Every structure is written in C-alpha cells, then in structure tokens.
C-alpha cells in the first residue's frame, strides 16, 4: 500500500465502515492517522462522525492496513467537509467570475 503523507484518504475497512482521515506517517502495515471520522447516515443524508469517542484526540492513532479492503484519495467536496468538521475552518466554494 502506498499513501502520500499529509493527504486525506477514504479507507473502506473490512468491517464495511468508511473512514476519512489524514495520513501523517507509515511504518510497515501501520499508518498513523489524524482526526479519523466515519461516514454515517443521518436525517439529512450522509454525515461525518467521530470514529473514536474515548480516545485522546491529540494522541497517536494507528490504522492497520491489513484491515483495509479499499482506499482512495478523498473527493474534493468531501475533503472540504472533513476539513471543516475537524478544524472548524470553512473553505469557500470555488466560483468563476466571468466578465
């Protein structure tokens, strides 16, 4: 498995859960991740929820890639929502100005 450090990825776990997270390091079959969130259905459609409620959010979190069935870079629109959910930073939509 080859991931780019500092990029946001969507991982489909063998359990069926979909995880969105930023990759910060890789050591063998372990990938260190930051701010993991899970995709969950809600009343207004899909939403992002904290993946680990009782873990220290500032601590190291590791993902064993042996438990991953699929992975891909996260789509830009979802990545912006992830950034907003994990940092509070709202990225404005890109708009073209035509003159």
Protein backbone atom coordinates (compact mmCIF):
# COMPACT_ATOMS: atom_id res chain seq x y z
CA UNK A 1 0.00 0.00 0.00
CA UNK A 2 1.35 3.38 -0.94
CA UNK A 3 -0.11 6.54 0.55
CA UNK A 4 1.13 10.10 0.38
CA UNK A 5 1.95 11.62 3.76
CA UNK A 6 -0.15 14.71 4.52
CA UNK A 7 -3.01 13.71 2.20
CA UNK A 8 -6.60 12.88 3.13
CA UNK A 9 -7.83 9.40 2.23
CA UNK A 10 -11.04 7.41 2.40
CA UNK A 11 -10.49 3.88 3.72
CA UNK A 12 -13.11 1.15 3.39
CA UNK A 13 -12.45 -1.20 6.29
CA UNK A 14 -13.07 -4.95 6.13
CA UNK A 15 -15.95 -4.33 8.58
CA UNK A 16 -17.69 -2.20 5.93
CA UNK A 17 -17.11 1.07 7.77
CA UNK A 18 -15.87 4.00 5.69
CA UNK A 19 -13.18 6.11 7.38
CA UNK A 20 -11.94 9.53 6.25
CA UNK A 21 -8.63 10.66 7.72
CA UNK A 22 -5.38 12.47 7.11
CA UNK A 23 -2.29 10.22 6.86
CA UNK A 24 0.70 11.53 8.80
CA UNK A 25 3.13 8.57 8.73
CA UNK A 26 3.52 4.97 7.62
CA UNK A 27 5.53 2.20 9.27
CA UNK A 28 5.12 -1.18 7.61
CA UNK A 29 1.49 -2.30 7.86
CA UNK A 30 0.64 0.58 10.21
CA UNK A 31 -0.46 4.01 9.04
CA UNK A 32 -0.52 6.85 11.56
CA UNK A 33 -3.66 8.89 11.05
CA UNK A 34 -5.04 12.16 12.34
CA UNK A 35 -8.66 13.11 13.10
CA UNK A 36 -10.38 9.95 11.82
CA UNK A 37 -14.10 10.33 11.11
CA UNK A 38 -16.62 7.76 9.96
CA UNK A 39 -19.29 8.25 7.33
CA UNK A 40 -22.74 7.60 8.79
CA UNK A 41 -26.31 8.03 7.52
CA UNK A 42 -28.29 10.81 9.21
CA UNK A 43 -31.68 12.52 8.85
CA UNK A 44 -30.31 14.94 6.22
CA UNK A 45 -28.19 12.35 4.40
CA UNK A 46 -24.62 11.23 4.98
CA UNK A 47 -22.67 12.86 7.80
CA UNK A 48 -19.22 12.66 9.36
CA UNK A 49 -19.00 11.42 12.94
CA UNK A 50 -16.05 10.94 15.28
CA UNK A 51 -14.63 7.43 14.85
CA UNK A 52 -13.22 7.01 18.37
CA UNK A 53 -15.21 8.73 21.11
CA UNK A 54 -12.98 7.81 24.06
CA UNK A 55 -9.51 8.27 22.53
CA UNK A 56 -7.32 11.30 23.16
CA UNK A 57 -7.83 13.47 20.05
CA UNK A 58 -4.24 14.74 20.33
CA UNK A 59 -2.77 11.24 20.74
CA UNK A 60 -1.32 8.97 18.09
CA UNK A 61 -3.86 6.88 16.22
CA UNK A 62 -2.72 3.98 14.04
CA UNK A 63 -4.60 2.09 11.33
CA UNK A 64 -3.54 -1.47 10.47
CA UNK A 65 -3.74 -1.57 6.67
CA UNK A 66 -4.37 -5.33 6.83
CA UNK A 67 -7.92 -4.28 7.87
CA UNK A 68 -8.47 -2.15 4.75
CA UNK A 69 -10.24 -3.56 1.70
CA UNK A 70 -10.25 -0.37 -0.42
CA UNK A 71 -8.69 3.08 -0.23
CA UNK A 72 -8.53 6.18 -2.40
CA UNK A 73 -7.83 9.88 -2.10
CA UNK A 74 -10.92 11.60 -0.72
CA UNK A 75 -13.06 13.50 -3.26
CA UNK A 76 -12.52 17.30 -3.03
CA UNK A 77 -16.05 18.20 -1.85
CA UNK A 78 -15.94 15.60 0.92
CA UNK A 79 -12.35 16.59 1.80
CA UNK A 80 -13.51 20.18 2.34
CA UNK A 81 -16.32 18.96 4.63
CA UNK A 82 -13.76 16.82 6.50
CA UNK A 83 -11.51 19.87 6.94
CA UNK A 84 -14.45 21.90 8.24
CA UNK A 85 -15.53 19.12 10.63
CA UNK A 86 -12.06 18.52 12.07
CA UNK A 87 -10.65 22.06 12.21
CA UNK A 88 -13.62 24.43 12.09
CA UNK A 89 -12.14 26.09 9.00
CA UNK A 90 -14.79 26.66 6.34
CA UNK A 91 -13.33 26.64 2.85
CA UNK A 92 -15.36 28.80 0.46
CA UNK A 93 -16.61 27.18 -2.72
CA UNK A 94 -14.61 27.94 -5.84
CA UNK A 95 -16.54 30.27 -8.10
CA UNK A 96 -15.65 31.52 -11.54
CA UNK A 97 -16.01 35.20 -12.24
CA UNK A 98 -16.85 35.81 -15.85
CA UNK A 99 -16.53 39.32 -17.20
